[in-house]
Amino acid sequence: MEKNMIPHNCDKILSKVFLALDGELTSEEEIFFLKEINQCEGCLEKYKIEKSFKEFLSMKVRKECCFETLAQNIRVKLHRNTSN
């Protein structure tokens, strides 16, 4: 290992899996994440499982419209809960 390299931290890398899968990492963070995830077989396996599960869900879940009154009622309840 080079002197300036930070040791691999599985918890730190795995905490970014969902951010990476959702496209929420900056390009610099993504480059670091991909480099790190490929250094550890365990981390890479967990990443692949989460990625496969997300792909599975996206094929099975479908977006459906609801009545506007239902959507409004949900917004009101969310607003009440977050205002407290």
N, C-alpha and C. Protein backbone atom coordinates (compact mmCIF):
# COMPACT_ATOMS: atom_id res chain seq x y z
N MET A 1 0.84 -1.17 0.00
CA MET A 1 0.00 0.00 0.00
C MET A 1 0.89 1.24 0.00
N GLU A 2 0.55 2.25 -0.81
CA GLU A 2 1.31 3.48 -0.85
C GLU A 2 1.13 4.25 0.45
N LYS A 3 2.12 5.09 0.78
CA LYS A 3 2.07 5.83 2.03
C LYS A 3 0.89 6.80 2.09
N ASN A 4 0.53 7.43 1.00
CA ASN A 4 -0.51 8.45 0.99
C ASN A 4 -1.92 7.88 0.83
N MET A 5 -2.03 6.59 0.61
CA MET A 5 -3.34 5.99 0.40
C MET A 5 -4.08 5.81 1.72
N ILE A 6 -5.36 6.11 1.71
CA ILE A 6 -6.21 5.89 2.87
C ILE A 6 -6.62 4.42 2.84
N PRO A 7 -6.56 3.72 3.99
CA PRO A 7 -6.96 2.31 3.99
C PRO A 7 -8.44 2.15 3.62
N HIS A 8 -8.74 1.06 2.98
CA HIS A 8 -10.11 0.77 2.56
C HIS A 8 -11.00 0.62 3.79
N ASN A 9 -12.15 1.29 3.77
CA ASN A 9 -13.10 1.25 4.88
C ASN A 9 -14.44 0.77 4.32
N CYS A 10 -14.77 -0.50 4.56
CA CYS A 10 -15.99 -1.08 4.00
C CYS A 10 -17.24 -0.32 4.43
N ASP A 11 -17.34 0.04 5.71
CA ASP A 11 -18.53 0.76 6.18
C ASP A 11 -18.71 2.08 5.45
N LYS A 12 -17.62 2.80 5.26
CA LYS A 12 -17.69 4.09 4.57
C LYS A 12 -18.12 3.90 3.11
N ILE A 13 -17.55 2.92 2.46
CA ILE A 13 -17.87 2.68 1.05
C ILE A 13 -19.31 2.19 0.91
N LEU A 14 -19.72 1.25 1.76
CA LEU A 14 -21.08 0.71 1.66
C LEU A 14 -22.14 1.76 2.01
N SER A 15 -21.78 2.76 2.79
CA SER A 15 -22.74 3.83 3.11
C SER A 15 -23.06 4.68 1.88
N LYS A 16 -22.24 4.57 0.86
CA LYS A 16 -22.45 5.36 -0.37
C LYS A 16 -23.09 4.57 -1.50
N VAL A 17 -23.39 3.30 -1.27
CA VAL A 17 -23.95 2.45 -2.32
C VAL A 17 -25.24 3.04 -2.88
N PHE A 18 -26.17 3.41 -2.01
CA PHE A 18 -27.45 3.91 -2.49
C PHE A 18 -27.30 5.26 -3.19
N LEU A 19 -26.39 6.09 -2.70
CA LEU A 19 -26.13 7.36 -3.38
C LEU A 19 -25.59 7.10 -4.79
N ALA A 20 -24.71 6.13 -4.90
CA ALA A 20 -24.15 5.80 -6.21
C ALA A 20 -25.23 5.24 -7.14
N LEU A 21 -26.04 4.34 -6.63
CA LEU A 21 -27.09 3.74 -7.46
C LEU A 21 -28.14 4.75 -7.89
N ASP A 22 -28.36 5.77 -7.05
CA ASP A 22 -29.36 6.80 -7.37
C ASP A 22 -28.77 7.96 -8.16
N GLY A 23 -27.48 7.88 -8.47
CA GLY A 23 -26.83 8.93 -9.26
C GLY A 23 -26.66 10.22 -8.48
N GLU A 24 -26.48 10.12 -7.17
CA GLU A 24 -26.40 11.31 -6.34
C GLU A 24 -24.98 11.66 -5.90
N LEU A 25 -23.99 10.97 -6.43
CA LEU A 25 -22.61 11.31 -6.13
C LEU A 25 -22.10 12.31 -7.16
N THR A 26 -21.19 13.18 -6.74
CA THR A 26 -20.54 14.05 -7.71
C THR A 26 -19.65 13.17 -8.58
N SER A 27 -19.18 13.70 -9.68
CA SER A 27 -18.34 12.88 -10.56
C SER A 27 -17.06 12.48 -9.84
N GLU A 28 -16.52 13.36 -9.00
CA GLU A 28 -15.31 13.03 -8.23
C GLU A 28 -15.61 11.93 -7.22
N GLU A 29 -16.73 12.03 -6.52
CA GLU A 29 -17.12 11.02 -5.54
C GLU A 29 -17.37 9.67 -6.22
N GLU A 30 -17.98 9.72 -7.41
CA GLU A 30 -18.28 8.48 -8.14
C GLU A 30 -16.99 7.78 -8.56
N ILE A 31 -16.03 8.53 -9.03
CA ILE A 31 -14.74 7.95 -9.44
C ILE A 31 -14.08 7.28 -8.23
N PHE A 32 -14.07 7.96 -7.09
CA PHE A 32 -13.49 7.40 -5.87
C PHE A 32 -14.26 6.15 -5.44
N PHE A 33 -15.59 6.23 -5.48
CA PHE A 33 -16.44 5.11 -5.08
C PHE A 33 -16.16 3.88 -5.93
N LEU A 34 -16.15 4.05 -7.25
CA LEU A 34 -15.93 2.92 -8.15
C LEU A 34 -14.55 2.31 -7.96
N LYS A 35 -13.55 3.16 -7.72
CA LYS A 35 -12.19 2.66 -7.47
C LYS A 35 -12.18 1.83 -6.18
N GLU A 36 -12.79 2.36 -5.15
CA GLU A 36 -12.81 1.67 -3.86
C GLU A 36 -13.65 0.40 -3.88
N ILE A 37 -14.83 0.45 -4.50
CA ILE A 37 -15.74 -0.70 -4.49
C ILE A 37 -15.11 -1.89 -5.21
N ASN A 38 -14.27 -1.60 -6.18
CA ASN A 38 -13.62 -2.67 -6.94
C ASN A 38 -12.40 -3.25 -6.24
N GLN A 39 -12.00 -2.66 -5.12
CA GLN A 39 -10.84 -3.17 -4.37
C GLN A 39 -11.22 -4.23 -3.35
N CYS A 40 -12.50 -4.35 -3.08
CA CYS A 40 -12.92 -5.28 -2.03
C CYS A 40 -14.03 -6.18 -2.58
N GLU A 41 -13.77 -7.46 -2.61
CA GLU A 41 -14.73 -8.41 -3.17
C GLU A 41 -16.06 -8.39 -2.40
N GLY A 42 -16.00 -8.26 -1.08
CA GLY A 42 -17.21 -8.22 -0.27
C GLY A 42 -18.06 -6.99 -0.57
N CYS A 43 -17.42 -5.84 -0.66
CA CYS A 43 -18.13 -4.59 -0.98
C CYS A 43 -18.74 -4.66 -2.38
N LEU A 44 -17.96 -5.17 -3.32
CA LEU A 44 -18.43 -5.28 -4.70
C LEU A 44 -19.64 -6.21 -4.78
N GLU A 45 -19.61 -7.29 -4.05
CA GLU A 45 -20.73 -8.24 -4.05
C GLU A 45 -21.99 -7.58 -3.49
N LYS A 46 -21.85 -6.86 -2.38
CA LYS A 46 -23.01 -6.17 -1.79
C LYS A 46 -23.55 -5.11 -2.74
N TYR A 47 -22.66 -4.39 -3.42
CA TYR A 47 -23.07 -3.39 -4.41
C TYR A 47 -23.86 -4.05 -5.54
N LYS A 48 -23.35 -5.17 -6.03
CA LYS A 48 -24.03 -5.87 -7.13
C LYS A 48 -25.42 -6.37 -6.71
N ILE A 49 -25.53 -6.83 -5.47
CA ILE A 49 -26.83 -7.29 -4.96
C ILE A 49 -27.82 -6.14 -4.91
N GLU A 50 -27.40 -5.01 -4.37
CA GLU A 50 -28.28 -3.84 -4.28
C GLU A 50 -28.65 -3.32 -5.67
N LYS A 51 -27.70 -3.34 -6.58
CA LYS A 51 -27.95 -2.88 -7.95
C LYS A 51 -28.97 -3.80 -8.63
N SER A 52 -28.79 -5.10 -8.47
CA SER A 52 -29.73 -6.07 -9.05
C SER A 52 -31.12 -5.91 -8.46
N PHE A 53 -31.19 -5.69 -7.15
CA PHE A 53 -32.48 -5.52 -6.49
C PHE A 53 -33.18 -4.25 -6.98
N LYS A 54 -32.42 -3.17 -7.13
CA LYS A 54 -33.00 -1.93 -7.63
C LYS A 54 -33.52 -2.11 -9.07
N GLU A 55 -32.76 -2.81 -9.90
CA GLU A 55 -33.19 -3.08 -11.27
C GLU A 55 -34.45 -3.94 -11.28
N PHE A 56 -34.50 -4.93 -10.41
CA PHE A 56 -35.68 -5.78 -10.29
C PHE A 56 -36.90 -4.95 -9.90
N LEU A 57 -36.75 -4.11 -8.90
CA LEU A 57 -37.87 -3.28 -8.45
C LEU A 57 -38.35 -2.34 -9.55
N SER A 58 -37.41 -1.77 -10.28
CA SER A 58 -37.80 -0.82 -11.32
C SER A 58 -38.59 -1.51 -12.44
N MET A 59 -38.38 -2.81 -12.62
CA MET A 59 -39.15 -3.55 -13.62
C MET A 59 -40.53 -3.93 -13.10
N LYS A 60 -40.65 -4.11 -11.78
CA LYS A 60 -41.90 -4.59 -11.19
C LYS A 60 -42.83 -3.48 -10.72
N VAL A 61 -42.26 -2.35 -10.36
CA VAL A 61 -43.07 -1.25 -9.83
C VAL A 61 -43.53 -0.38 -10.98
N ARG A 62 -44.76 -0.01 -10.93
CA ARG A 62 -45.26 0.88 -11.98
C ARG A 62 -45.89 2.10 -11.34
N LYS A 63 -45.74 3.20 -12.02
CA LYS A 63 -46.28 4.45 -11.52
C LYS A 63 -47.72 4.58 -11.99
N GLU A 64 -48.58 4.82 -11.03
CA GLU A 64 -49.99 5.00 -11.36
C GLU A 64 -50.46 6.33 -10.78
N CYS A 65 -51.39 6.94 -11.47
CA CYS A 65 -51.96 8.19 -11.00
C CYS A 65 -53.00 7.91 -9.92
N CYS A 66 -53.18 8.87 -9.05
CA CYS A 66 -54.22 8.76 -8.04
C CYS A 66 -55.11 10.00 -8.15
N PHE A 67 -56.20 9.96 -7.46
CA PHE A 67 -57.09 11.10 -7.47
C PHE A 67 -56.39 12.31 -6.86
N GLU A 68 -56.61 13.48 -7.40
CA GLU A 68 -55.98 14.70 -6.90
C GLU A 68 -56.33 14.94 -5.43
N THR A 69 -57.54 14.58 -5.03
CA THR A 69 -57.93 14.78 -3.62
C THR A 69 -57.07 13.92 -2.70
N LEU A 70 -56.76 12.71 -3.11
CA LEU A 70 -55.90 11.85 -2.31
C LEU A 70 -54.51 12.45 -2.20
N ALA A 71 -53.97 12.91 -3.31
CA ALA A 71 -52.64 13.52 -3.31
C ALA A 71 -52.63 14.75 -2.40
N GLN A 72 -53.66 15.56 -2.47
CA GLN A 72 -53.74 16.76 -1.63
C GLN A 72 -53.82 16.39 -0.15
N ASN A 73 -54.62 15.38 0.19
CA ASN A 73 -54.72 14.94 1.58
C ASN A 73 -53.37 14.46 2.12
N ILE A 74 -52.63 13.76 1.30
CA ILE A 74 -51.30 13.28 1.70
C ILE A 74 -50.37 14.47 1.92
N ARG A 75 -50.40 15.45 1.02
CA ARG A 75 -49.56 16.64 1.17
C ARG A 75 -49.87 17.37 2.47
N VAL A 76 -51.16 17.52 2.78
CA VAL A 76 -51.58 18.20 4.00
C VAL A 76 -51.05 17.46 5.23
N LYS A 77 -51.21 16.14 5.26
CA LYS A 77 -50.75 15.35 6.40
C LYS A 77 -49.23 15.40 6.54
N LEU A 78 -48.52 15.35 5.43
CA LEU A 78 -47.07 15.46 5.48
C LEU A 78 -46.64 16.82 6.01
N HIS A 79 -47.32 17.85 5.56
CA HIS A 79 -47.00 19.20 6.00
C HIS A 79 -47.24 19.33 7.51
N ARG A 80 -48.35 18.78 7.98
CA ARG A 80 -48.66 18.82 9.43
C ARG A 80 -47.58 18.09 10.22
N ASN A 81 -47.17 16.93 9.74
CA ASN A 81 -46.17 16.13 10.46
C ASN A 81 -44.80 16.78 10.47
N THR A 82 -44.46 17.47 9.42
CA THR A 82 -43.14 18.09 9.35
C THR A 82 -43.11 19.46 10.01
N SER A 83 -44.27 20.05 10.26
CA SER A 83 -44.33 21.35 10.90
C SER A 83 -44.18 21.26 12.40
N ASN A 84 -44.38 20.08 12.95
CA ASN A 84 -44.31 19.92 14.42
C ASN A 84 -42.92 19.80 14.91
